[in-house]
Amino acid sequence: MIKYDYMNGISGGKVLENNISTDQIAKLEKTLRHISGAIKQNGRKILNNYPITNPQFIALQWLKEEGDLTIGELSAKNGLAFSTTTDLVDRMEKNDLVERVRDLNDRRVVRIHVLEKGHRIIEDVILKRQEYLNEVLENFTKEQTGTLIELLNLLHLQMKSVNEK
């Protein structure tokens, strides 16, 4: 049995089936949690300069990446309740970030479409996030940055695979 210490993670140094120690898993989890927190904190700081909330920005990103989505599809992507997403889209529509558009193939279906103001905000915020990462990585070599990208992509693929089980 693996023992878990809520302050420090898994303890005992047990080696798991994949030859990774529980201490390594604990350190990785803690590091990823700290990285995630730093990114979120910086993201909130950037968004303070725009008329948009973090949940609205996340919704805009999904719409930009996936194309026009229904409220139900956007709810699933964001992990939010349908009613919460409806309220979110209402506020975004009032701020001219998105518009509701009837599907041409099925008039019963309404899709959310990103407007020019929404696209501009996404592009500005992403550029500022990339500038932040550039500053963070200024002491990394090109090779280290490439290895980091490769390993993070592998981690992401594995996470998606495990989540689909």
N, C-alpha and C. Protein backbone atom coordinates (compact mmCIF):
# COMPACT_ATOMS: atom_id res chain seq x y z
N MET A 1 0.84 -1.19 0.00
CA MET A 1 0.00 0.00 0.00
C MET A 1 0.88 1.24 0.00
N ILE A 2 0.48 2.25 -0.75
CA ILE A 2 1.22 3.50 -0.82
C ILE A 2 0.70 4.44 0.26
N LYS A 3 1.59 4.99 1.04
CA LYS A 3 1.25 5.93 2.10
C LYS A 3 1.29 7.34 1.51
N TYR A 4 0.28 8.17 1.82
CA TYR A 4 0.23 9.52 1.28
C TYR A 4 0.26 10.54 2.40
N ASP A 5 1.20 11.46 2.32
CA ASP A 5 1.33 12.57 3.26
C ASP A 5 0.82 13.80 2.51
N TYR A 6 -0.27 14.42 2.96
CA TYR A 6 -0.90 15.52 2.22
C TYR A 6 -0.04 16.77 2.12
N MET A 7 0.96 16.89 2.93
CA MET A 7 1.86 18.05 2.84
C MET A 7 3.00 17.78 1.86
N ASN A 8 3.47 16.54 1.81
CA ASN A 8 4.66 16.24 1.02
C ASN A 8 4.44 15.21 -0.08
N GLY A 9 3.23 14.69 -0.20
CA GLY A 9 2.97 13.70 -1.24
C GLY A 9 3.20 12.29 -0.74
N ILE A 10 3.40 11.37 -1.69
CA ILE A 10 3.62 9.97 -1.36
C ILE A 10 4.95 9.85 -0.63
N SER A 11 4.98 9.03 0.38
CA SER A 11 6.23 8.91 1.13
C SER A 11 6.68 7.46 1.20
N GLY A 12 7.90 7.25 1.62
CA GLY A 12 8.42 5.93 1.82
C GLY A 12 9.39 5.46 0.76
N GLY A 13 9.46 6.14 -0.35
CA GLY A 13 10.44 5.80 -1.37
C GLY A 13 10.18 4.48 -2.06
N LYS A 14 8.99 3.94 -1.97
CA LYS A 14 8.64 2.68 -2.62
C LYS A 14 8.82 2.81 -4.13
N VAL A 15 9.30 1.75 -4.76
CA VAL A 15 9.45 1.74 -6.22
C VAL A 15 8.20 1.11 -6.81
N LEU A 16 7.57 1.82 -7.75
CA LEU A 16 6.35 1.34 -8.39
C LEU A 16 6.68 0.41 -9.54
N GLU A 17 5.65 -0.17 -10.17
CA GLU A 17 5.84 -1.14 -11.25
C GLU A 17 6.69 -0.61 -12.40
N ASN A 18 6.64 0.69 -12.68
CA ASN A 18 7.37 1.27 -13.80
C ASN A 18 8.77 1.75 -13.42
N ASN A 19 9.27 1.29 -12.27
CA ASN A 19 10.60 1.65 -11.76
C ASN A 19 10.76 3.12 -11.38
N ILE A 20 9.67 3.80 -11.21
CA ILE A 20 9.70 5.18 -10.74
C ILE A 20 9.37 5.14 -9.25
N SER A 21 10.17 5.81 -8.44
CA SER A 21 9.92 5.77 -7.00
C SER A 21 8.76 6.69 -6.63
N THR A 22 8.13 6.37 -5.53
CA THR A 22 7.04 7.21 -5.04
C THR A 22 7.55 8.61 -4.68
N ASP A 23 8.83 8.70 -4.28
CA ASP A 23 9.41 10.02 -4.00
C ASP A 23 9.48 10.86 -5.28
N GLN A 24 9.85 10.22 -6.40
CA GLN A 24 9.91 10.94 -7.67
C GLN A 24 8.51 11.39 -8.10
N ILE A 25 7.52 10.52 -7.93
CA ILE A 25 6.15 10.87 -8.27
C ILE A 25 5.69 12.06 -7.43
N ALA A 26 6.01 12.04 -6.15
CA ALA A 26 5.62 13.13 -5.25
C ALA A 26 6.28 14.44 -5.67
N LYS A 27 7.57 14.38 -6.01
CA LYS A 27 8.28 15.59 -6.44
C LYS A 27 7.70 16.12 -7.76
N LEU A 28 7.39 15.22 -8.68
CA LEU A 28 6.82 15.62 -9.97
C LEU A 28 5.46 16.27 -9.77
N GLU A 29 4.61 15.65 -8.96
CA GLU A 29 3.29 16.21 -8.70
C GLU A 29 3.38 17.60 -8.10
N LYS A 30 4.28 17.75 -7.14
CA LYS A 30 4.45 19.05 -6.47
C LYS A 30 4.98 20.10 -7.45
N THR A 31 5.95 19.72 -8.27
CA THR A 31 6.51 20.65 -9.25
C THR A 31 5.45 21.07 -10.27
N LEU A 32 4.69 20.11 -10.78
CA LEU A 32 3.64 20.44 -11.75
C LEU A 32 2.57 21.33 -11.13
N ARG A 33 2.24 21.07 -9.86
CA ARG A 33 1.26 21.91 -9.16
C ARG A 33 1.77 23.34 -9.03
N HIS A 34 3.06 23.50 -8.71
CA HIS A 34 3.65 24.83 -8.57
C HIS A 34 3.72 25.55 -9.92
N ILE A 35 4.09 24.81 -10.97
CA ILE A 35 4.14 25.39 -12.32
C ILE A 35 2.73 25.83 -12.73
N SER A 36 1.75 24.97 -12.52
CA SER A 36 0.37 25.31 -12.87
C SER A 36 -0.09 26.57 -12.13
N GLY A 37 0.24 26.65 -10.85
CA GLY A 37 -0.13 27.83 -10.05
C GLY A 37 0.52 29.09 -10.58
N ALA A 38 1.81 29.02 -10.93
CA ALA A 38 2.52 30.19 -11.46
C ALA A 38 1.92 30.64 -12.79
N ILE A 39 1.58 29.69 -13.64
CA ILE A 39 0.98 30.03 -14.93
C ILE A 39 -0.39 30.68 -14.73
N LYS A 40 -1.19 30.11 -13.83
CA LYS A 40 -2.52 30.68 -13.55
C LYS A 40 -2.40 32.09 -13.00
N GLN A 41 -1.46 32.28 -12.06
CA GLN A 41 -1.28 33.60 -11.45
C GLN A 41 -0.88 34.63 -12.51
N ASN A 42 0.06 34.26 -13.37
CA ASN A 42 0.48 35.18 -14.42
C ASN A 42 -0.66 35.43 -15.41
N GLY A 43 -1.42 34.37 -15.72
CA GLY A 43 -2.55 34.52 -16.64
C GLY A 43 -3.60 35.48 -16.10
N ARG A 44 -3.87 35.39 -14.79
CA ARG A 44 -4.84 36.32 -14.18
C ARG A 44 -4.34 37.75 -14.25
N LYS A 45 -3.03 37.92 -14.03
CA LYS A 45 -2.43 39.25 -14.08
C LYS A 45 -2.60 39.85 -15.49
N ILE A 46 -2.36 39.03 -16.50
CA ILE A 46 -2.51 39.48 -17.89
C ILE A 46 -3.97 39.85 -18.16
N LEU A 47 -4.90 39.00 -17.71
CA LEU A 47 -6.32 39.24 -17.99
C LEU A 47 -6.88 40.46 -17.29
N ASN A 48 -6.20 40.94 -16.24
CA ASN A 48 -6.65 42.15 -15.55
C ASN A 48 -6.69 43.35 -16.49
N ASN A 49 -5.93 43.29 -17.58
CA ASN A 49 -5.89 44.41 -18.54
C ASN A 49 -6.95 44.30 -19.63
N TYR A 50 -7.84 43.32 -19.52
CA TYR A 50 -8.85 43.08 -20.55
C TYR A 50 -10.23 42.95 -19.91
N PRO A 51 -11.27 43.28 -20.66
CA PRO A 51 -12.65 43.19 -20.12
C PRO A 51 -13.19 41.76 -20.21
N ILE A 52 -12.46 40.81 -19.60
CA ILE A 52 -12.82 39.41 -19.73
C ILE A 52 -12.38 38.65 -18.48
N THR A 53 -13.16 37.66 -18.10
CA THR A 53 -12.80 36.84 -16.95
C THR A 53 -12.03 35.60 -17.42
N ASN A 54 -11.41 34.91 -16.48
CA ASN A 54 -10.66 33.70 -16.84
C ASN A 54 -11.57 32.63 -17.47
N PRO A 55 -12.75 32.34 -16.91
CA PRO A 55 -13.62 31.35 -17.57
C PRO A 55 -14.03 31.78 -18.99
N GLN A 56 -14.24 33.07 -19.19
CA GLN A 56 -14.57 33.56 -20.54
C GLN A 56 -13.39 33.35 -21.49
N PHE A 57 -12.20 33.62 -21.00
CA PHE A 57 -11.02 33.43 -21.84
C PHE A 57 -10.85 31.96 -22.22
N ILE A 58 -11.05 31.07 -21.26
CA ILE A 58 -10.94 29.63 -21.54
C ILE A 58 -11.98 29.23 -22.59
N ALA A 59 -13.20 29.74 -22.46
CA ALA A 59 -14.25 29.44 -23.45
C ALA A 59 -13.85 29.97 -24.82
N LEU A 60 -13.32 31.18 -24.88
CA LEU A 60 -12.87 31.75 -26.16
C LEU A 60 -11.77 30.89 -26.79
N GLN A 61 -10.85 30.41 -25.97
CA GLN A 61 -9.78 29.56 -26.49
C GLN A 61 -10.35 28.29 -27.11
N TRP A 62 -11.31 27.65 -26.43
CA TRP A 62 -11.93 26.44 -26.99
C TRP A 62 -12.60 26.75 -28.32
N LEU A 63 -13.31 27.86 -28.38
CA LEU A 63 -14.01 28.23 -29.61
C LEU A 63 -13.03 28.52 -30.74
N LYS A 64 -11.91 29.15 -30.40
CA LYS A 64 -10.90 29.44 -31.43
C LYS A 64 -10.26 28.14 -31.94
N GLU A 65 -9.96 27.22 -31.02
CA GLU A 65 -9.30 25.96 -31.39
C GLU A 65 -10.24 25.00 -32.11
N GLU A 66 -11.48 24.90 -31.65
CA GLU A 66 -12.41 23.89 -32.16
C GLU A 66 -13.36 24.42 -33.23
N GLY A 67 -13.47 25.75 -33.34
CA GLY A 67 -14.47 26.33 -34.24
C GLY A 67 -15.76 26.55 -33.47
N ASP A 68 -16.80 26.95 -34.18
CA ASP A 68 -18.08 27.23 -33.54
C ASP A 68 -18.61 25.99 -32.84
N LEU A 69 -19.03 26.14 -31.58
CA LEU A 69 -19.55 25.04 -30.77
C LEU A 69 -20.93 25.39 -30.25
N THR A 70 -21.70 24.36 -29.92
CA THR A 70 -22.98 24.59 -29.25
C THR A 70 -22.69 24.84 -27.76
N ILE A 71 -23.71 25.32 -27.05
CA ILE A 71 -23.55 25.52 -25.60
C ILE A 71 -23.20 24.18 -24.93
N GLY A 72 -23.85 23.11 -25.34
CA GLY A 72 -23.58 21.80 -24.77
C GLY A 72 -22.14 21.35 -24.99
N GLU A 73 -21.65 21.54 -26.22
CA GLU A 73 -20.26 21.17 -26.53
C GLU A 73 -19.28 22.00 -25.72
N LEU A 74 -19.55 23.31 -25.63
CA LEU A 74 -18.68 24.21 -24.86
C LEU A 74 -18.73 23.86 -23.38
N SER A 75 -19.90 23.49 -22.87
CA SER A 75 -20.04 23.06 -21.47
C SER A 75 -19.15 21.86 -21.19
N ALA A 76 -19.18 20.90 -22.11
CA ALA A 76 -18.37 19.69 -21.94
C ALA A 76 -16.88 20.01 -21.96
N LYS A 77 -16.45 20.88 -22.87
CA LYS A 77 -15.04 21.25 -22.97
C LYS A 77 -14.57 21.96 -21.70
N ASN A 78 -15.41 22.86 -21.17
CA ASN A 78 -15.04 23.65 -19.99
C ASN A 78 -15.26 22.90 -18.69
N GLY A 79 -16.03 21.82 -18.74
CA GLY A 79 -16.37 21.11 -17.51
C GLY A 79 -17.30 21.91 -16.64
N LEU A 80 -18.16 22.71 -17.27
CA LEU A 80 -19.11 23.54 -16.54
C LEU A 80 -20.53 23.07 -16.83
N ALA A 81 -21.45 23.39 -15.93
CA ALA A 81 -22.86 23.07 -16.14
C ALA A 81 -23.39 23.84 -17.34
N PHE A 82 -24.39 23.28 -17.98
CA PHE A 82 -25.02 23.91 -19.14
C PHE A 82 -25.50 25.33 -18.80
N SER A 83 -26.16 25.47 -17.64
CA SER A 83 -26.70 26.78 -17.23
C SER A 83 -25.58 27.79 -16.98
N THR A 84 -24.48 27.32 -16.40
CA THR A 84 -23.33 28.21 -16.16
C THR A 84 -22.73 28.67 -17.47
N THR A 85 -22.62 27.77 -18.43
CA THR A 85 -22.07 28.12 -19.74
C THR A 85 -23.01 29.08 -20.47
N THR A 86 -24.32 28.88 -20.33
CA THR A 86 -25.29 29.80 -20.95
C THR A 86 -25.10 31.21 -20.41
N ASP A 87 -24.96 31.34 -19.08
CA ASP A 87 -24.71 32.65 -18.47
C ASP A 87 -23.40 33.25 -18.96
N LEU A 88 -22.37 32.42 -19.05
CA LEU A 88 -21.05 32.85 -19.52
C LEU A 88 -21.16 33.41 -20.94
N VAL A 89 -21.85 32.68 -21.81
CA VAL A 89 -22.01 33.10 -23.21
C VAL A 89 -22.86 34.37 -23.28
N ASP A 90 -23.88 34.48 -22.44
CA ASP A 90 -24.70 35.70 -22.41
C ASP A 90 -23.82 36.92 -22.14
N ARG A 91 -22.94 36.82 -21.13
CA ARG A 91 -22.06 37.94 -20.78
C ARG A 91 -21.05 38.23 -21.90
N MET A 92 -20.55 37.17 -22.53
CA MET A 92 -19.60 37.35 -23.63
C MET A 92 -20.28 38.00 -24.83
N GLU A 93 -21.53 37.64 -25.05
CA GLU A 93 -22.28 38.23 -26.16
C GLU A 93 -22.54 39.71 -25.91
N LYS A 94 -22.87 40.07 -24.67
CA LYS A 94 -23.09 41.48 -24.31
C LYS A 94 -21.83 42.32 -24.50
N ASN A 95 -20.65 41.68 -24.33
CA ASN A 95 -19.37 42.38 -24.50
C ASN A 95 -18.82 42.28 -25.92
N ASP A 96 -19.67 41.82 -26.85
CA ASP A 96 -19.29 41.71 -28.27
C ASP A 96 -18.08 40.81 -28.51
N LEU A 97 -17.94 39.76 -27.70
CA LEU A 97 -16.86 38.79 -27.88
C LEU A 97 -17.30 37.63 -28.77
N VAL A 98 -18.58 37.26 -28.65
CA VAL A 98 -19.14 36.16 -29.42
C VAL A 98 -20.54 36.52 -29.89
N GLU A 99 -21.06 35.69 -30.80
CA GLU A 99 -22.46 35.81 -31.20
C GLU A 99 -23.04 34.41 -31.36
N ARG A 100 -24.34 34.31 -31.16
CA ARG A 100 -25.04 33.04 -31.39
C ARG A 100 -25.46 33.02 -32.86
N VAL A 101 -25.19 31.89 -33.52
CA VAL A 101 -25.50 31.75 -34.94
C VAL A 101 -26.24 30.44 -35.15
N ARG A 102 -27.34 30.50 -35.90
CA ARG A 102 -28.08 29.27 -36.22
C ARG A 102 -27.29 28.44 -37.21
N ASP A 103 -27.26 27.13 -36.96
CA ASP A 103 -26.58 26.19 -37.86
C ASP A 103 -27.31 26.18 -39.21
N LEU A 104 -26.56 26.26 -40.30
CA LEU A 104 -27.16 26.29 -41.63
C LEU A 104 -27.83 24.97 -42.00
N ASN A 105 -27.32 23.87 -41.47
CA ASN A 105 -27.87 22.55 -41.79
C ASN A 105 -29.04 22.16 -40.90
N ASP A 106 -29.10 22.71 -39.71
CA ASP A 106 -30.17 22.38 -38.77
C ASP A 106 -30.51 23.64 -37.97
N ARG A 107 -31.60 24.30 -38.35
CA ARG A 107 -31.97 25.59 -37.74
C ARG A 107 -32.25 25.49 -36.24
N ARG A 108 -32.45 24.26 -35.72
CA ARG A 108 -32.69 24.09 -34.28
C ARG A 108 -31.40 24.25 -33.48
N VAL A 109 -30.25 24.08 -34.14
CA VAL A 109 -28.95 24.11 -33.48
C VAL A 109 -28.40 25.53 -33.51
N VAL A 110 -27.96 26.00 -32.35
CA VAL A 110 -27.34 27.34 -32.25
C VAL A 110 -25.89 27.15 -31.86
N ARG A 111 -25.01 27.76 -32.62
CA ARG A 111 -23.57 27.67 -32.36
C ARG A 111 -23.05 29.02 -31.88
N ILE A 112 -21.97 28.96 -31.10
CA ILE A 112 -21.33 30.17 -30.59
C ILE A 112 -20.16 30.48 -31.50
N HIS A 113 -20.12 31.70 -32.02
CA HIS A 113 -19.10 32.13 -32.97
C HIS A 113 -18.29 33.29 -32.37
N VAL A 114 -16.97 33.21 -32.45
CA VAL A 114 -16.11 34.27 -31.91
C VAL A 114 -16.10 35.46 -32.86
N LEU A 115 -16.32 36.65 -32.30
CA LEU A 115 -16.28 37.89 -33.09
C LEU A 115 -14.86 38.47 -33.10
N GLU A 116 -14.66 39.50 -33.91
CA GLU A 116 -13.33 40.11 -34.07
C GLU A 116 -12.73 40.55 -32.73
N LYS A 117 -13.52 41.19 -31.88
CA LYS A 117 -13.02 41.63 -30.57
C LYS A 117 -12.52 40.43 -29.76
N GLY A 118 -13.24 39.33 -29.80
CA GLY A 118 -12.82 38.12 -29.10
C GLY A 118 -11.52 37.57 -29.65
N HIS A 119 -11.39 37.55 -30.98
CA HIS A 119 -10.15 37.08 -31.61
C HIS A 119 -8.96 37.97 -31.21
N ARG A 120 -9.17 39.28 -31.20
CA ARG A 120 -8.09 40.21 -30.83
C ARG A 120 -7.62 39.97 -29.40
N ILE A 121 -8.57 39.79 -28.49
CA ILE A 121 -8.20 39.56 -27.09
C ILE A 121 -7.42 38.26 -26.95
N ILE A 122 -7.89 37.19 -27.60
CA ILE A 122 -7.18 35.91 -27.53
C ILE A 122 -5.75 36.09 -28.02
N GLU A 123 -5.59 36.70 -29.18
CA GLU A 123 -4.26 36.88 -29.76
C GLU A 123 -3.35 37.71 -28.86
N ASP A 124 -3.89 38.80 -28.30
CA ASP A 124 -3.11 39.66 -27.39
C ASP A 124 -2.66 38.90 -26.15
N VAL A 125 -3.60 38.18 -25.53
CA VAL A 125 -3.30 37.47 -24.30
C VAL A 125 -2.30 36.35 -24.56
N ILE A 126 -2.50 35.61 -25.63
CA ILE A 126 -1.57 34.51 -25.96
C ILE A 126 -0.18 35.08 -26.22
N LEU A 127 -0.08 36.20 -26.91
CA LEU A 127 1.22 36.84 -27.16
C LEU A 127 1.89 37.22 -25.84
N LYS A 128 1.13 37.78 -24.92
CA LYS A 128 1.69 38.15 -23.61
C LYS A 128 2.11 36.91 -22.81
N ARG A 129 1.36 35.82 -22.93
CA ARG A 129 1.75 34.56 -22.27
C ARG A 129 3.04 34.02 -22.87
N GLN A 130 3.16 34.12 -24.19
CA GLN A 130 4.38 33.66 -24.85
C GLN A 130 5.58 34.52 -24.46
N GLU A 131 5.36 35.83 -24.31
CA GLU A 131 6.44 36.71 -23.86
C GLU A 131 6.89 36.32 -22.44
N TYR A 132 5.92 35.98 -21.59
CA TYR A 132 6.22 35.53 -20.23
C TYR A 132 7.07 34.25 -20.27
N LEU A 133 6.65 33.27 -21.09
CA LEU A 133 7.41 32.02 -21.20
C LEU A 133 8.81 32.27 -21.76
N ASN A 134 8.90 33.18 -22.72
CA ASN A 134 10.21 33.52 -23.27
C ASN A 134 11.13 34.04 -22.17
N GLU A 135 10.59 34.89 -21.30
CA GLU A 135 11.38 35.42 -20.19
C GLU A 135 11.77 34.31 -19.21
N VAL A 136 10.82 33.41 -18.93
CA VAL A 136 11.09 32.29 -18.02
C VAL A 136 12.19 31.39 -18.58
N LEU A 137 12.20 31.19 -19.90
CA LEU A 137 13.13 30.26 -20.53
C LEU A 137 14.42 30.92 -21.03
N GLU A 138 14.66 32.18 -20.64
CA GLU A 138 15.81 32.90 -21.20
C GLU A 138 17.15 32.24 -20.89
N ASN A 139 17.26 31.46 -19.82
CA ASN A 139 18.53 30.80 -19.50
C ASN A 139 18.57 29.34 -19.95
N PHE A 140 17.54 28.91 -20.68
CA PHE A 140 17.52 27.55 -21.24
C PHE A 140 18.21 27.57 -22.59
N THR A 141 18.91 26.49 -22.90
CA THR A 141 19.47 26.38 -24.25
C THR A 141 18.36 25.95 -25.20
N LYS A 142 18.64 26.06 -26.48
CA LYS A 142 17.69 25.62 -27.50
C LYS A 142 17.39 24.13 -27.32
N GLU A 143 18.42 23.35 -27.02
CA GLU A 143 18.25 21.91 -26.83
C GLU A 143 17.40 21.60 -25.59
N GLN A 144 17.65 22.32 -24.50
CA GLN A 144 16.86 22.11 -23.28
C GLN A 144 15.39 22.45 -23.54
N THR A 145 15.16 23.52 -24.26
CA THR A 145 13.79 23.92 -24.58
C THR A 145 13.13 22.86 -25.45
N GLY A 146 13.85 22.34 -26.43
CA GLY A 146 13.32 21.28 -27.29
C GLY A 146 12.99 20.03 -26.50
N THR A 147 13.87 19.65 -25.59
CA THR A 147 13.64 18.46 -24.75
C THR A 147 12.43 18.68 -23.84
N LEU A 148 12.32 19.88 -23.27
CA LEU A 148 11.18 20.19 -22.41
C LEU A 148 9.87 20.06 -23.19
N ILE A 149 9.83 20.62 -24.38
CA ILE A 149 8.62 20.54 -25.23
C ILE A 149 8.29 19.08 -25.53
N GLU A 150 9.31 18.32 -25.90
CA GLU A 150 9.11 16.91 -26.24
C GLU A 150 8.55 16.13 -25.05
N LEU A 151 9.14 16.33 -23.88
CA LEU A 151 8.69 15.61 -22.69
C LEU A 151 7.29 16.04 -22.24
N LEU A 152 7.00 17.34 -22.33
CA LEU A 152 5.67 17.81 -21.96
C LEU A 152 4.61 17.28 -22.93
N ASN A 153 4.95 17.21 -24.22
CA ASN A 153 4.02 16.63 -25.19
C ASN A 153 3.76 15.16 -24.88
N LEU A 154 4.81 14.43 -24.53
CA LEU A 154 4.67 13.03 -24.16
C LEU A 154 3.80 12.88 -22.92
N LEU A 155 4.04 13.73 -21.92
CA LEU A 155 3.24 13.71 -20.70
C LEU A 155 1.77 13.98 -21.02
N HIS A 156 1.51 14.96 -21.87
CA HIS A 156 0.14 15.30 -22.25
C HIS A 156 -0.54 14.14 -22.97
N LEU A 157 0.17 13.50 -23.90
CA LEU A 157 -0.40 12.35 -24.61
C LEU A 157 -0.74 11.21 -23.65
N GLN A 158 0.16 10.95 -22.70
CA GLN A 158 -0.07 9.89 -21.72
C GLN A 158 -1.27 10.22 -20.83
N MET A 159 -1.39 11.49 -20.45
CA MET A 159 -2.52 11.91 -19.62
C MET A 159 -3.83 11.69 -20.38
N LYS A 160 -3.85 12.07 -21.66
CA LYS A 160 -5.06 11.87 -22.46
C LYS A 160 -5.39 10.39 -22.58
N SER A 161 -4.36 9.57 -22.76
CA SER A 161 -4.56 8.12 -22.88
C SER A 161 -5.14 7.54 -21.59
N VAL A 162 -4.58 7.92 -20.47
CA VAL A 162 -5.06 7.41 -19.17
C VAL A 162 -6.48 7.92 -18.90
N ASN A 163 -6.75 9.18 -19.24
CA ASN A 163 -8.08 9.75 -19.00
C ASN A 163 -9.16 9.11 -19.86
N GLU A 164 -8.77 8.55 -21.00
CA GLU A 164 -9.74 7.91 -21.91
C GLU A 164 -10.10 6.50 -21.49
N LYS A 165 -9.36 5.94 -20.54
CA LYS A 165 -9.62 4.56 -20.08
C LYS A 165 -10.93 4.46 -19.35
